[in-house]
Amino acid sequence: MLEYVGRAATITTMEGTDGSNSYIVHVDIDNGDWYWRVETMQPAK
């Protein structure tokens, strides 16, 4: 997962919320291998 941190990505699917009520998504750069919390993302520049 660390290799993708800081890279620009496009959200491909919204999966709902996890146990802490954070929205989780899949993104294109990792082929959907990981779940990402939206709260840790920021808009691409």
Protein backbone atom coordinates (compact mmCIF):
# COMPACT_ATOMS: atom_id res chain seq x y z
CA MET A 1 0.00 0.00 0.00
CA LEU A 2 2.83 2.41 0.85
CA GLU A 3 3.96 2.57 -2.80
CA TYR A 4 0.66 4.26 -3.72
CA VAL A 5 0.59 6.92 -0.99
CA GLY A 6 0.92 10.42 -2.44
CA ARG A 7 0.10 9.39 -6.01
CA ALA A 8 -2.83 10.79 -7.98
CA ALA A 9 -5.69 8.31 -8.39
CA THR A 10 -9.29 8.14 -9.51
CA ILE A 11 -11.94 6.63 -7.26
CA THR A 12 -13.49 3.72 -9.15
CA THR A 13 -16.01 2.42 -6.61
CA MET A 14 -17.50 3.58 -3.34
CA GLU A 15 -17.87 0.63 -0.99
CA GLY A 16 -19.80 2.19 1.89
CA THR A 17 -18.45 2.61 5.41
CA ASP A 18 -16.13 0.61 7.61
CA GLY A 19 -16.49 -0.15 11.31
CA SER A 20 -15.55 3.42 12.27
CA ASN A 21 -18.12 4.95 9.87
CA SER A 22 -15.40 6.15 7.48
CA TYR A 23 -16.30 5.92 3.80
CA ILE A 24 -14.07 3.48 1.94
CA VAL A 25 -13.34 3.34 -1.79
CA HIS A 26 -11.32 1.51 -4.40
CA VAL A 27 -9.01 3.46 -6.73
CA ASP A 28 -7.56 2.83 -10.17
CA ILE A 29 -3.82 2.87 -9.46
CA ASP A 30 -3.75 -0.33 -7.38
CA ASN A 31 -6.24 -2.31 -9.50
CA GLY A 32 -8.69 -2.27 -6.59
CA ASP A 33 -6.42 -4.32 -4.34
CA TRP A 34 -6.82 -2.07 -1.30
CA TYR A 35 -9.62 -0.22 0.45
CA TRP A 36 -8.89 3.48 1.01
CA ARG A 37 -10.54 5.77 3.54
CA VAL A 38 -11.87 8.91 1.92
CA GLU A 39 -10.91 10.97 4.98
CA THR A 40 -7.24 10.33 4.25
CA MET A 41 -7.50 11.57 0.65
CA GLN A 42 -7.18 15.04 -0.79
CA PRO A 43 -8.07 16.45 -4.22
CA ALA A 44 -5.42 16.04 -6.90
CA LYS A 45 -3.71 19.23 -7.99
